[in-house]
Structures are given as C-alpha cells and as structure tokens.
Amino acid sequence: MRQGGHNNAHQKPANTAELAKDIHWIHHATLWSQIGLGLIGLGALWIYHGQLTVMGGQLEQMKGSGGQTDKLICLYQQQVAQLTKQAGDTHDLAVAAGKQAEAANRAAITAAGQLQAFQDVSRLDQRAWIGIGPFLVDQFEEHKSFLSHIEYINSGRTPALQVEMATRYMIDKASDPPVGPPLVQVKQLKFAAAQSNPPQGNQTMHQEVSKEDIERHYNAIKSKTESLMIFGEIHYWDISHKQMHTTQFCVHLRDPDAKLMAFCDFFNDMN
C-alpha cells in the first residue's frame, strides 16, 4: 500500500504544473480575446463614427440641397407665375387681335358692299333704260282694222343691245280701271328681234287689230262695255351684259270717241 501511495505523491506536482499551464493559457487566451474584442469594438466604433460622419455630411448636403431645392422651387414658382401671366397676356392679345381681325373683316365686307353699291349705282347711271313714250291711235273705224303705234325710248347713257319685243291685243269685258293682261295671255307673247336702241334714241312699234275683230266688237268697245287692250314686253341687254332687262307695257282705249289711249293700272314695270 505504501508503494501505491508513493506513486500518488509524485503525480500531484505534475498535475499541478499542467493545471497551472492550463490556467496560464486560459488567462492569456482570455486576455488576448479581450484585447481582440476591444480592437473589434474600436474598429466598430471607428466605422460607426465614420458612418456618422458620412451621414452627417449627407445630412448637411441634404439640408443644403433642401435649401437649394426650396430656392429652385421658389424660382420655378416665380417662373410659372411669370409664364402664366405671359400666357394670359398672350391670350388677351390673341383675343384683341381676333376682335381687330373681326372688325377688319366687317370693315372689309362693308367696304366691299359700298364698292359694289357704288358700282351698281354707276352701272345703273350708265346703263340703258328703255321706257314707253307717246302712244297714239292711228285708226279706229267700224269696218276697218284698228291701227296704233307706241314709241319706246332709251333714256340711258349707253345703247340697248340685243333688243327683242312682243305685242298682243285682247278685247274683253271692260273693267274700271283696267288692271292689265292675265298671265295666260302674257305667256302667249311671241318675241321677235328688233333694232338696238342708242342712248336717247326713239323706236316705234305698231299694233294692228284685225278688221274682223273690230267689226265683231265695235259697238261694245264704243259703249265701253268691252275694252280693247294692247300689251307686250321689250327685252334688251346693256353693255355690261350682266342680265337681261325687261320693260312691260299695257295701254287701253280709254276714250273710243276721242281715240285716246291710257296706261293700264298694272303691267307697266321695268328693270
């Protein structure tokens, strides 16, 4: 038993030394680990500080940028307000220009109308005007044909061109006053070419009523129960050739005894 005890006595110092080595190693490992952790903490602190610095700089930049942005926004708003004002001014100018253009257009239309009116008046002043002059009964007897002549006069300042005329007569129940030929009779007018009529020129047309018609209606015409009417139209052009002009005429035997004729109440127009 002692031998066994002796072996145990020599083992204790060895175990103590190993334990001391282990403790020393653990101490150094703990120290170095603490140093490493400290270094890591310092590194992290440095990084955080750097991030804070960067963030501070960014914040300052953002603040500066914000100020510049505010200035830019303010300037932009001022520019928008100026553009809006300019747009409003431009719109007002456009409206005013439109009104001026409209007024100018109205003035131009008025001027054109006045010019046209002047031209029309000038043309009317210069154009040919054919009207009816004296008309006379040349013969009215019981057993003879009725003869009359009617003058037409160009009172204008230019010739009447391409003249054509048509005349008819009708004997019908007398009316007081005679109103003029019915439309059905007017439509039966047959036109024939006539001479051109110079300014202030006179032309004469002759109308004959057949002997048979006079013998058949003589007493009624003399007693004024029937009326003898002569009517017709004259067509002509003036030198402008813009339109054909027409002169209507209607006369009746107002006094058979005195052999006098007079105008009918209607169908004596001219254009």
Foldseek 3Di string as FASTA:
>chain_A
DVVVVVVVVVVVVVVVVVVVVVVVVVVVVVVVVVVVVVVVVVVVVVVVVVVVVVVVVVVVVVVVVVVVVVVVVVVVVVVVVVVVVVVVVVVVVVVVVVVVVVVVVVVVVVVVVVVVVVVVVVCVQAWWFKAKDDKFWPDADQQFKTKIKIKIWTQHNAKWAFKKKWKDKDKFFQDVQAADDDPVVQVPTDIDTDDIAGHRGMDMDMDIGGSVVSNVCVVVCQVRRMKMKMWMKMWTDTPVRPDIKIAIFMKIQPHSVVRDIDGGNDGGDID
